[in-house]
N, C-alpha and C. Protein backbone atom coordinates (compact mmCIF):
# COMPACT_ATOMS: atom_id res chain seq x y z
N TYR A 1 115.09 60.02 289.24
CA TYR A 1 115.49 59.80 287.87
C TYR A 1 116.71 58.86 287.82
N LEU A 2 117.73 59.22 288.58
CA LEU A 2 118.95 58.41 288.55
C LEU A 2 118.75 57.05 289.21
N VAL A 3 117.96 57.01 290.27
CA VAL A 3 117.68 55.73 290.93
C VAL A 3 116.94 54.81 289.97
N LYS A 4 115.98 55.36 289.23
CA LYS A 4 115.25 54.54 288.25
C LYS A 4 116.18 54.02 287.16
N LYS A 5 117.30 54.70 286.97
CA LYS A 5 118.28 54.26 285.96
C LYS A 5 119.33 53.32 286.56
N GLY A 6 119.18 52.99 287.85
CA GLY A 6 120.05 51.99 288.46
C GLY A 6 121.11 52.52 289.42
N LEU A 7 121.20 53.82 289.61
CA LEU A 7 122.18 54.38 290.53
C LEU A 7 121.67 54.24 291.96
N PRO A 8 122.54 53.83 292.90
CA PRO A 8 122.10 53.74 294.29
C PRO A 8 121.59 55.10 294.79
N PHE A 9 120.59 55.05 295.69
CA PHE A 9 119.95 56.27 296.16
C PHE A 9 120.97 57.27 296.71
N ARG A 10 121.89 56.82 297.54
CA ARG A 10 122.85 57.73 298.17
C ARG A 10 123.65 58.51 297.11
N ALA A 11 124.09 57.83 296.08
CA ALA A 11 124.85 58.49 295.01
C ALA A 11 123.96 59.45 294.22
N ALA A 12 122.72 59.03 293.95
CA ALA A 12 121.79 59.88 293.21
C ALA A 12 121.47 61.14 294.00
N TYR A 13 121.29 60.98 295.31
CA TYR A 13 120.99 62.11 296.19
C TYR A 13 122.14 63.12 296.17
N LYS A 14 123.36 62.61 296.22
CA LYS A 14 124.54 63.49 296.20
C LYS A 14 124.62 64.26 294.89
N ILE A 15 124.43 63.57 293.79
CA ILE A 15 124.49 64.22 292.47
C ILE A 15 123.38 65.27 292.35
N SER A 16 122.19 64.91 292.80
CA SER A 16 121.08 65.87 292.74
C SER A 16 121.42 67.14 293.52
N GLY A 17 121.98 66.97 294.70
CA GLY A 17 122.38 68.11 295.51
C GLY A 17 123.43 68.96 294.83
N GLN A 18 124.38 68.30 294.19
CA GLN A 18 125.44 69.03 293.48
C GLN A 18 124.86 69.82 292.30
N LEU A 19 123.92 69.24 291.61
CA LEU A 19 123.29 69.93 290.49
C LEU A 19 122.49 71.14 290.95
N VAL A 20 121.76 70.97 292.05
CA VAL A 20 120.99 72.09 292.59
C VAL A 20 121.93 73.20 293.06
N ALA A 21 123.02 72.82 293.72
CA ALA A 21 124.00 73.82 294.17
C ALA A 21 124.59 74.56 292.98
N LYS A 22 124.86 73.86 291.90
CA LYS A 22 125.38 74.49 290.68
C LYS A 22 124.37 75.50 290.14
N CYS A 23 123.12 75.10 290.10
CA CYS A 23 122.07 76.00 289.60
C CYS A 23 121.97 77.26 290.48
N ILE A 24 122.04 77.08 291.77
CA ILE A 24 121.97 78.23 292.68
C ILE A 24 123.16 79.15 292.44
N ALA A 25 124.35 78.58 292.36
CA ALA A 25 125.56 79.38 292.16
C ALA A 25 125.55 80.13 290.83
N GLU A 26 124.95 79.50 289.82
CA GLU A 26 124.94 80.09 288.48
C GLU A 26 123.64 80.82 288.16
N HIS A 27 122.75 80.94 289.14
CA HIS A 27 121.47 81.63 288.96
C HIS A 27 120.71 81.09 287.75
N THR A 28 120.58 79.76 287.73
CA THR A 28 119.86 79.11 286.64
C THR A 28 118.95 78.03 287.23
N THR A 29 118.34 77.25 286.37
CA THR A 29 117.44 76.18 286.80
C THR A 29 117.87 74.86 286.19
N LEU A 30 117.35 73.79 286.76
CA LEU A 30 117.66 72.47 286.22
C LEU A 30 117.18 72.34 284.77
N GLU A 31 116.04 72.96 284.49
CA GLU A 31 115.50 72.89 283.13
C GLU A 31 116.41 73.57 282.11
N ALA A 32 117.19 74.54 282.56
CA ALA A 32 118.03 75.31 281.65
C ALA A 32 119.44 74.75 281.46
N LEU A 33 119.82 73.78 282.30
CA LEU A 33 121.17 73.22 282.17
C LEU A 33 121.29 72.43 280.87
N PRO A 34 122.38 72.63 280.15
CA PRO A 34 122.60 71.81 278.95
C PRO A 34 122.84 70.34 279.35
N LEU A 35 122.49 69.44 278.47
CA LEU A 35 122.64 68.01 278.74
C LEU A 35 124.08 67.67 279.12
N GLY A 36 125.04 68.30 278.47
CA GLY A 36 126.45 68.03 278.77
C GLY A 36 126.81 68.31 280.22
N GLU A 37 126.17 69.31 280.82
CA GLU A 37 126.43 69.61 282.22
C GLU A 37 125.88 68.51 283.12
N TYR A 38 124.72 67.99 282.79
CA TYR A 38 124.19 66.85 283.53
C TYR A 38 125.15 65.67 283.40
N GLN A 39 125.57 65.40 282.18
CA GLN A 39 126.41 64.24 281.93
C GLN A 39 127.79 64.36 282.55
N ALA A 40 128.21 65.57 282.90
CA ALA A 40 129.47 65.75 283.63
C ALA A 40 129.35 65.15 285.04
N PHE A 41 128.13 65.07 285.55
CA PHE A 41 127.88 64.49 286.87
C PHE A 41 127.59 63.00 286.80
N SER A 42 126.97 62.56 285.72
CA SER A 42 126.67 61.14 285.55
C SER A 42 126.36 60.84 284.09
N GLU A 43 126.92 59.75 283.62
CA GLU A 43 126.66 59.33 282.24
C GLU A 43 125.24 58.76 282.08
N LEU A 44 124.55 58.56 283.19
CA LEU A 44 123.19 58.04 283.12
C LEU A 44 122.18 59.07 282.62
N PHE A 45 122.56 60.34 282.67
CA PHE A 45 121.64 61.37 282.20
C PHE A 45 121.50 61.30 280.69
N GLY A 46 120.25 61.35 280.25
CA GLY A 46 119.94 61.39 278.83
C GLY A 46 118.97 62.53 278.56
N GLN A 47 118.59 62.67 277.32
CA GLN A 47 117.68 63.74 276.92
C GLN A 47 116.37 63.70 277.71
N ASP A 48 116.01 62.50 278.18
CA ASP A 48 114.77 62.37 278.94
C ASP A 48 114.81 63.04 280.31
N VAL A 49 115.96 63.53 280.73
CA VAL A 49 116.06 64.22 282.02
C VAL A 49 115.17 65.46 282.05
N TYR A 50 114.99 66.10 280.91
CA TYR A 50 114.20 67.33 280.88
C TYR A 50 112.73 67.07 281.20
N ALA A 51 112.23 65.91 280.80
CA ALA A 51 110.85 65.55 281.17
C ALA A 51 110.77 65.28 282.66
N ALA A 52 111.84 64.73 283.23
CA ALA A 52 111.85 64.39 284.65
C ALA A 52 111.95 65.63 285.54
N VAL A 53 112.63 66.67 285.09
CA VAL A 53 112.80 67.87 285.93
C VAL A 53 111.76 68.95 285.65
N ASP A 54 110.86 68.68 284.72
CA ASP A 54 109.78 69.61 284.43
C ASP A 54 108.94 69.79 285.69
N LEU A 55 108.68 71.02 286.09
CA LEU A 55 107.97 71.28 287.34
C LEU A 55 106.58 70.64 287.37
N ASP A 56 105.86 70.71 286.28
CA ASP A 56 104.52 70.09 286.25
C ASP A 56 104.62 68.59 286.45
N ALA A 57 105.63 67.97 285.84
CA ALA A 57 105.82 66.53 286.00
C ALA A 57 106.20 66.18 287.43
N CYS A 58 107.04 66.99 288.05
CA CYS A 58 107.44 66.75 289.44
C CYS A 58 106.24 66.82 290.37
N VAL A 59 105.36 67.76 290.14
CA VAL A 59 104.16 67.89 290.96
C VAL A 59 103.23 66.70 290.72
N ALA A 60 103.07 66.32 289.49
CA ALA A 60 102.11 65.27 289.12
C ALA A 60 102.46 63.89 289.67
N VAL A 61 103.74 63.62 289.87
CA VAL A 61 104.11 62.27 290.33
C VAL A 61 103.97 62.07 291.83
N ARG A 62 103.67 63.12 292.56
CA ARG A 62 103.48 63.01 294.02
C ARG A 62 102.04 62.60 294.30
N THR A 63 101.76 61.30 294.11
CA THR A 63 100.38 60.81 294.15
C THR A 63 99.98 60.20 295.49
N SER A 64 100.87 60.16 296.46
CA SER A 64 100.50 59.61 297.76
C SER A 64 99.52 60.56 298.46
N ALA A 65 98.85 60.04 299.49
CA ALA A 65 97.86 60.85 300.22
C ALA A 65 98.50 62.14 300.70
N GLY A 66 97.88 63.26 300.39
CA GLY A 66 98.41 64.56 300.77
C GLY A 66 99.47 65.09 299.82
N GLY A 67 99.73 64.37 298.74
CA GLY A 67 100.75 64.77 297.78
C GLY A 67 100.30 65.95 296.93
N THR A 68 101.18 66.36 296.04
CA THR A 68 100.93 67.55 295.22
C THR A 68 100.25 67.26 293.89
N ALA A 69 100.05 66.00 293.56
CA ALA A 69 99.36 65.67 292.30
C ALA A 69 97.97 66.29 292.32
N PRO A 70 97.52 66.81 291.19
CA PRO A 70 96.21 67.48 291.16
C PRO A 70 95.08 66.67 291.78
N ALA A 71 95.03 65.37 291.52
CA ALA A 71 93.96 64.55 292.09
C ALA A 71 94.05 64.53 293.62
N GLN A 72 95.25 64.48 294.15
CA GLN A 72 95.41 64.48 295.60
C GLN A 72 95.03 65.83 296.22
N VAL A 73 95.38 66.90 295.54
CA VAL A 73 95.01 68.23 296.03
C VAL A 73 93.49 68.38 296.04
N LYS A 74 92.83 67.89 295.00
CA LYS A 74 91.36 67.95 294.95
C LYS A 74 90.75 67.15 296.10
N LYS A 75 91.33 65.98 296.42
CA LYS A 75 90.84 65.18 297.54
C LYS A 75 90.98 65.95 298.85
N GLN A 76 92.12 66.60 299.04
CA GLN A 76 92.34 67.36 300.27
C GLN A 76 91.38 68.54 300.38
N ILE A 77 91.11 69.20 299.27
CA ILE A 77 90.16 70.31 299.27
C ILE A 77 88.77 69.81 299.64
N ALA A 78 88.37 68.68 299.05
CA ALA A 78 87.05 68.11 299.34
C ALA A 78 86.94 67.72 300.82
N LEU A 79 88.00 67.13 301.35
CA LEU A 79 88.00 66.74 302.76
C LEU A 79 87.88 67.97 303.66
N LEU A 80 88.61 69.00 303.36
CA LEU A 80 88.54 70.22 304.16
C LEU A 80 87.17 70.88 304.06
N ARG A 81 86.57 70.86 302.88
CA ARG A 81 85.22 71.43 302.72
C ARG A 81 84.22 70.66 303.57
N GLU A 82 84.37 69.33 303.59
CA GLU A 82 83.49 68.51 304.42
C GLU A 82 83.63 68.88 305.89
N GLN A 83 84.86 69.02 306.32
CA GLN A 83 85.12 69.35 307.73
C GLN A 83 84.57 70.73 308.07
N LEU A 84 84.75 71.68 307.18
CA LEU A 84 84.23 73.03 307.41
C LEU A 84 82.70 73.04 307.45
N ALA A 85 82.09 72.24 306.57
CA ALA A 85 80.62 72.17 306.53
C ALA A 85 80.07 71.61 307.84
N LYS A 86 80.78 70.66 308.42
CA LYS A 86 80.35 70.06 309.70
C LYS A 86 80.44 71.07 310.83
N GLN A 87 81.36 72.02 310.71
CA GLN A 87 81.54 73.02 311.77
C GLN A 87 80.53 74.15 311.66
N ALA A 88 79.93 74.31 310.50
CA ALA A 88 79.02 75.44 310.29
C ALA A 88 77.67 75.24 310.92
């Protein structure tokens, strides 16, 4: 999210880690953090951050081979079924 907004990866990675640590310490989730808490870490955060941290959205964007996107999972299941059928 932050890299797409122009922040260097190293800085975005650090901020992401700090936010996750905050959530762990406060027994909350990224989805539940108020926007102001995000913006305390970076002014690049906007209301659109909630779409970016949505779990379904996070899963869906992993579209590389073996990724978590539904289409990729279906491909892996089909491949495994083929392999199992050959063994039977």
